Amino acid sequence: MIHLKIEEEIKSAMEENKLIFGSKKTIKSIKLNKVKLVIISSNCPKSIKEDIVHNAKIANIDVREFEGKGVDLGAVCKKPFQVSTLGLSR
């Protein structure tokens, strides 16, 4: 159920062109308070996940884990590559 809700939020953000791809851009956007939600794939590297969770906690931004791997998250976003982190901009 949660998995479907995340997919719906991603698809809605795609239509509005409000997705931020990649860990570096996502972390930068968190620090600048430009995202409202961060989604992390289940196989995101531990160090990146910890960095994102830490910064998001400071900025009071929600972080959710996508049940699938980066390939699956990329497919939801209609991208031909893996997506380990994804930010939904405000």
Protein backbone atom coordinates (compact mmCIF):
# COMPACT_ATOMS: atom_id res chain seq x y z
CA MET A 1 0.00 0.00 0.00
CA ILE A 2 2.77 2.44 0.94
CA HIS A 3 4.66 1.38 -2.20
CA LEU A 4 1.72 2.46 -4.39
CA LYS A 5 1.42 5.80 -2.62
CA ILE A 6 5.10 6.53 -3.25
CA GLU A 7 4.69 5.64 -6.93
CA GLU A 8 1.68 7.98 -7.18
CA GLU A 9 3.67 10.84 -5.62
CA ILE A 10 6.55 10.21 -8.02
CA LYS A 11 4.26 10.15 -11.06
CA SER A 12 2.57 13.37 -9.93
CA ALA A 13 5.94 15.07 -9.44
CA MET A 14 7.07 13.80 -12.88
CA GLU A 15 4.10 15.49 -14.51
CA GLU A 16 5.02 18.74 -12.78
CA ASN A 17 8.73 18.28 -13.58
CA LYS A 18 9.64 18.44 -9.88
CA LEU A 19 12.02 15.50 -9.52
CA ILE A 20 15.64 15.79 -8.45
CA PHE A 21 17.79 12.79 -9.39
CA GLY A 22 21.02 11.69 -7.74
CA SER A 23 22.44 11.75 -4.26
CA LYS A 24 24.63 14.86 -4.67
CA LYS A 25 21.82 17.00 -6.07
CA THR A 26 19.37 15.61 -3.52
CA ILE A 27 21.67 16.39 -0.58
CA LYS A 28 22.31 19.89 -1.91
CA SER A 29 18.54 20.44 -2.30
CA ILE A 30 17.94 19.21 1.25
CA LYS A 31 20.49 21.68 2.60
CA LEU A 32 18.83 24.48 0.61
CA ASN A 33 15.38 23.33 1.79
CA LYS A 34 14.16 22.87 -1.80
CA VAL A 35 12.64 19.41 -1.35
CA LYS A 36 9.59 18.25 0.53
CA LEU A 37 10.27 14.50 0.33
CA VAL A 38 13.22 12.23 -0.35
CA ILE A 39 12.88 8.68 -1.63
CA ILE A 40 15.74 6.19 -1.27
CA SER A 41 15.92 2.84 -3.06
CA SER A 42 16.32 -0.28 -0.94
CA ASN A 43 19.83 -0.88 -2.29
CA CYS A 44 21.11 2.68 -1.85
CA PRO A 45 24.67 2.59 -0.43
CA LYS A 46 24.67 2.82 3.35
CA SER A 47 26.95 5.88 3.52
CA ILE A 48 24.75 7.86 1.13
CA LYS A 49 21.58 6.79 2.94
CA GLU A 50 23.03 7.86 6.30
CA ASP A 51 24.11 11.24 4.90
CA ILE A 52 20.69 11.89 3.39
CA VAL A 53 18.80 10.80 6.51
CA HIS A 54 21.05 12.96 8.71
CA ASN A 55 20.63 16.10 6.59
CA ALA A 56 16.90 15.52 6.11
CA LYS A 57 16.41 15.14 9.86
CA ILE A 58 18.11 18.49 10.45
CA ALA A 59 15.93 20.13 7.77
CA ASN A 60 12.78 18.32 8.98
CA ILE A 61 12.23 16.66 5.59
CA ASP A 62 10.50 13.30 5.28
CA VAL A 63 12.57 10.37 3.94
CA ARG A 64 10.91 7.21 2.65
CA GLU A 65 12.45 3.97 1.49
CA PHE A 66 11.28 2.60 -1.84
CA GLU A 67 10.73 -1.16 -1.54
CA GLY A 68 12.41 -1.89 -4.87
CA LYS A 69 15.99 -1.53 -6.01
CA GLY A 70 17.45 1.39 -7.93
CA VAL A 71 16.54 -0.22 -11.25
CA ASP A 72 12.90 -0.41 -10.15
CA LEU A 73 12.88 3.19 -8.95
CA GLY A 74 14.37 4.25 -12.29
CA ALA A 75 11.63 2.35 -14.11
CA VAL A 76 8.92 4.14 -12.09
CA CYS A 77 10.52 7.42 -13.16
CA LYS A 78 10.72 6.19 -16.77
CA LYS A 79 14.50 6.45 -16.75
CA PRO A 80 16.81 3.91 -18.43
CA PHE A 81 19.17 3.92 -15.46
CA GLN A 82 19.24 3.16 -11.75
CA VAL A 83 18.01 5.82 -9.33
CA SER A 84 19.25 5.40 -5.80
CA THR A 85 17.92 8.70 -4.44
CA LEU A 86 15.17 10.98 -5.57
CA GLY A 87 13.99 14.32 -4.25
CA LEU A 88 10.54 15.82 -4.81
CA SER A 89 10.94 19.57 -4.98
CA ARG A 90 8.57 22.01 -3.35
